[in-house]
Amino acid sequence: MKFSPLFLIFLPIAAFAEERVFECDAPDAQHPEMAARLVKYEGEDKGHITIGDIDKVVAVYPGLDTLTYLYIGEDYTLSYNVHPEKGTFDYSASGSKSGWGRGNCTEVSGG
């Protein structure tokens, strides 16, 4: 089977699919853990949460107009429920990072 050189031009695009990336703001200085970068890997049910210098691999669950980023660790659990159309998120945590709140998220280009 012969491949066209044109096919090779599009190969890198297929290999690096676009991620969904959200920059979420803390609503106030008392909840800095709410400020996070949330990434969903294209075509997968996982991604990662970056909070300051903490970077955790998470499960990502799609819902009705939402994406839920869930981290379950030994010391704490984090949940960010993002509403992309509204530009908002709901945050909840248990364990050593216990708390809850709401904030704003902006979807940015992947990477």
C-alpha atoms as a PDB file:
ATOM      1  CA  MET A   1       0.000   0.000   0.000  1.00  0.00           C
ATOM      2  CA  LYS A   2       1.414   3.384  -0.992  1.00  0.00           C
ATOM      3  CA  PHE A   3       0.979   6.480   1.146  1.00  0.00           C
ATOM      4  CA  SER A   4       0.719   9.903  -0.311  1.00  0.00           C
ATOM      5  CA  PRO A   5       3.213  12.526   0.955  1.00  0.00           C
ATOM      6  CA  LEU A   6       0.131  14.637   1.714  1.00  0.00           C
ATOM      7  CA  PHE A   7      -0.883  12.020   4.300  1.00  0.00           C
ATOM      8  CA  LEU A   8       2.410  12.547   6.149  1.00  0.00           C
ATOM      9  CA  ILE A   9       1.684  16.256   6.525  1.00  0.00           C
ATOM     10  CA  PHE A  10      -1.422  15.500   8.599  1.00  0.00           C
ATOM     11  CA  LEU A  11       0.139  12.746  10.717  1.00  0.00           C
ATOM     12  CA  PRO A  12       1.533  15.064  13.463  1.00  0.00           C
ATOM     13  CA  ILE A  13      -1.864  16.727  13.853  1.00  0.00           C
ATOM     14  CA  ALA A  14      -3.493  13.368  14.539  1.00  0.00           C
ATOM     15  CA  ALA A  15      -0.768  12.380  16.998  1.00  0.00           C
ATOM     16  CA  PHE A  16      -1.198  15.488  19.148  1.00  0.00           C
ATOM     17  CA  ALA A  17      -4.928  15.883  19.712  1.00  0.00           C
ATOM     18  CA  GLU A  18      -6.171  19.004  21.461  1.00  0.00           C
ATOM     19  CA  GLU A  19      -6.736  18.914  25.223  1.00  0.00           C
ATOM     20  CA  ARG A  20      -9.410  20.883  27.070  1.00  0.00           C
ATOM     21  CA  VAL A  21      -7.733  23.262  29.497  1.00  0.00           C
ATOM     22  CA  PHE A  22      -9.408  25.490  32.098  1.00  0.00           C
ATOM     23  CA  GLU A  23      -7.827  28.191  34.260  1.00  0.00           C
ATOM     24  CA  CYS A  24      -9.920  28.493  37.434  1.00  0.00           C
ATOM     25  CA  ASP A  25      -9.670  31.422  39.847  1.00  0.00           C
ATOM     26  CA  ALA A  26      -9.976  31.397  43.624  1.00  0.00           C
ATOM     27  CA  PRO A  27     -12.900  33.579  44.717  1.00  0.00           C
ATOM     28  CA  ASP A  28     -10.876  34.996  47.638  1.00  0.00           C
ATOM     29  CA  ALA A  29      -7.476  34.812  49.361  1.00  0.00           C
ATOM     30  CA  GLN A  30      -8.808  32.393  52.009  1.00  0.00           C
ATOM     31  CA  HIS A  31      -9.211  29.611  49.402  1.00  0.00           C
ATOM     32  CA  PRO A  32      -5.992  29.529  47.328  1.00  0.00           C
ATOM     33  CA  GLU A  33      -6.446  25.785  46.646  1.00  0.00           C
ATOM     34  CA  MET A  34      -9.416  26.664  44.442  1.00  0.00           C
ATOM     35  CA  ALA A  35      -7.140  28.397  41.907  1.00  0.00           C
ATOM     36  CA  ALA A  36      -6.216  25.564  39.561  1.00  0.00           C
ATOM     37  CA  ARG A  37      -5.357  24.594  36.016  1.00  0.00           C
ATOM     38  CA  LEU A  38      -7.570  21.695  34.927  1.00  0.00           C
ATOM     39  CA  VAL A  39      -6.675  19.593  31.896  1.00  0.00           C
ATOM     40  CA  LYS A  40      -8.716  16.836  30.231  1.00  0.00           C
ATOM     41  CA  TYR A  41      -6.802  14.616  27.819  1.00  0.00           C
ATOM     42  CA  GLU A  42      -8.494  14.301  24.423  1.00  0.00           C
ATOM     43  CA  GLY A  43     -10.289  10.997  23.961  1.00  0.00           C
ATOM     44  CA  GLU A  44      -9.596   9.840  27.527  1.00  0.00           C
ATOM     45  CA  ASP A  45     -11.433   9.883  30.843  1.00  0.00           C
ATOM     46  CA  LYS A  46      -8.449  11.334  32.667  1.00  0.00           C
ATOM     47  CA  GLY A  47      -6.393  14.492  32.936  1.00  0.00           C
ATOM     48  CA  HIS A  48      -4.592  16.452  35.621  1.00  0.00           C
ATOM     49  CA  ILE A  49      -5.079  19.230  38.150  1.00  0.00           C
ATOM     50  CA  THR A  50      -2.295  21.720  38.823  1.00  0.00           C
ATOM     51  CA  ILE A  51      -2.522  23.794  42.016  1.00  0.00           C
ATOM     52  CA  GLY A  52       0.635  25.851  42.507  1.00  0.00           C
ATOM     53  CA  ASP A  53       3.483  23.307  42.393  1.00  0.00           C
ATOM     54  CA  ILE A  54       1.130  20.336  42.988  1.00  0.00           C
ATOM     55  CA  ASP A  55       0.244  18.317  39.888  1.00  0.00           C
ATOM     56  CA  LYS A  56      -2.162  15.380  40.300  1.00  0.00           C
ATOM     57  CA  VAL A  57      -3.474  12.870  37.750  1.00  0.00           C
ATOM     58  CA  VAL A  58      -7.273  12.800  37.953  1.00  0.00           C
ATOM     59  CA  ALA A  59     -10.334  11.056  36.573  1.00  0.00           C
ATOM     60  CA  VAL A  60     -12.532  13.289  34.380  1.00  0.00           C
ATOM     61  CA  TYR A  61     -16.233  12.571  34.053  1.00  0.00           C
ATOM     62  CA  PRO A  62     -18.427  14.297  31.466  1.00  0.00           C
ATOM     63  CA  GLY A  63     -21.929  15.270  32.546  1.00  0.00           C
ATOM     64  CA  LEU A  64     -24.801  17.321  31.253  1.00  0.00           C
ATOM     65  CA  ASP A  65     -22.951  20.542  30.271  1.00  0.00           C
ATOM     66  CA  THR A  66     -20.224  19.818  32.862  1.00  0.00           C
ATOM     67  CA  LEU A  67     -16.849  18.176  33.317  1.00  0.00           C
ATOM     68  CA  THR A  68     -15.993  16.806  36.763  1.00  0.00           C
ATOM     69  CA  TYR A  69     -12.309  16.519  37.691  1.00  0.00           C
ATOM     70  CA  LEU A  70     -11.888  14.105  40.611  1.00  0.00           C
ATOM     71  CA  TYR A  71      -8.743  13.346  42.594  1.00  0.00           C
ATOM     72  CA  ILE A  72      -8.876  10.750  45.377  1.00  0.00           C
ATOM     73  CA  GLY A  73      -5.708  10.561  47.444  1.00  0.00           C
ATOM     74  CA  GLU A  74      -4.703   9.156  50.820  1.00  0.00           C
ATOM     75  CA  ASP A  75      -4.931  12.489  52.668  1.00  0.00           C
ATOM     76  CA  TYR A  76      -7.625  14.323  50.711  1.00  0.00           C
ATOM     77  CA  THR A  77     -10.132  14.274  47.876  1.00  0.00           C
ATOM     78  CA  LEU A  78     -10.607  17.138  45.386  1.00  0.00           C
ATOM     79  CA  SER A  79     -13.551  17.701  43.067  1.00  0.00           C
ATOM     80  CA  TYR A  80     -13.879  20.484  40.501  1.00  0.00           C
ATOM     81  CA  ASN A  81     -17.201  20.480  38.647  1.00  0.00           C
ATOM     82  CA  VAL A  82     -16.680  22.796  35.641  1.00  0.00           C
ATOM     83  CA  HIS A  83     -19.557  24.388  33.712  1.00  0.00           C
ATOM     84  CA  PRO A  84     -17.789  25.393  30.439  1.00  0.00           C
ATOM     85  CA  GLU A  85     -20.762  27.253  28.947  1.00  0.00           C
ATOM     86  CA  LYS A  86     -21.249  29.370  32.086  1.00  0.00           C
ATOM     87  CA  GLY A  87     -17.535  29.849  32.804  1.00  0.00           C
ATOM     88  CA  THR A  88     -17.954  28.719  36.419  1.00  0.00           C
ATOM     89  CA  PHE A  89     -16.986  25.811  38.654  1.00  0.00           C
ATOM     90  CA  ASP A  90     -18.020  24.245  41.954  1.00  0.00           C
ATOM     91  CA  TYR A  91     -15.236  23.046  44.235  1.00  0.00           C
ATOM     92  CA  SER A  92     -15.364  20.586  47.093  1.00  0.00           C
ATOM     93  CA  ALA A  93     -12.666  18.832  49.064  1.00  0.00           C
ATOM     94  CA  SER A  94     -12.458  16.518  52.031  1.00  0.00           C
ATOM     95  CA  GLY A  95      -9.679  15.404  54.327  1.00  0.00           C
ATOM     96  CA  SER A  96      -6.728  17.707  54.958  1.00  0.00           C
ATOM     97  CA  LYS A  97      -7.940  20.176  52.282  1.00  0.00           C
ATOM     98  CA  SER A  98     -11.575  20.221  53.443  1.00  0.00           C
ATOM     99  CA  GLY A  99     -13.711  22.997  51.981  1.00  0.00           C
ATOM    100  CA  TRP A 100     -16.117  24.040  49.272  1.00  0.00           C
ATOM    101  CA  GLY A 101     -16.872  27.034  47.102  1.00  0.00           C
ATOM    102  CA  ARG A 102     -17.617  28.453  43.670  1.00  0.00           C
ATOM    103  CA  GLY A 103     -15.489  30.390  41.228  1.00  0.00           C
ATOM    104  CA  ASN A 104     -14.892  31.332  37.612  1.00  0.00           C
ATOM    105  CA  CYS A 105     -13.099  29.274  34.966  1.00  0.00           C
ATOM    106  CA  THR A 106     -11.848  30.300  31.556  1.00  0.00           C
ATOM    107  CA  GLU A 107     -11.230  27.730  28.850  1.00  0.00           C
ATOM    108  CA  VAL A 108      -7.847  28.341  27.244  1.00  0.00           C
ATOM    109  CA  SER A 109      -6.132  26.648  24.316  1.00  0.00           C
ATOM    110  CA  GLY A 110      -4.622  23.245  25.026  1.00  0.00           C
ATOM    111  CA  GLY A 111      -1.071  22.629  26.108  1.00  0.00           C
END
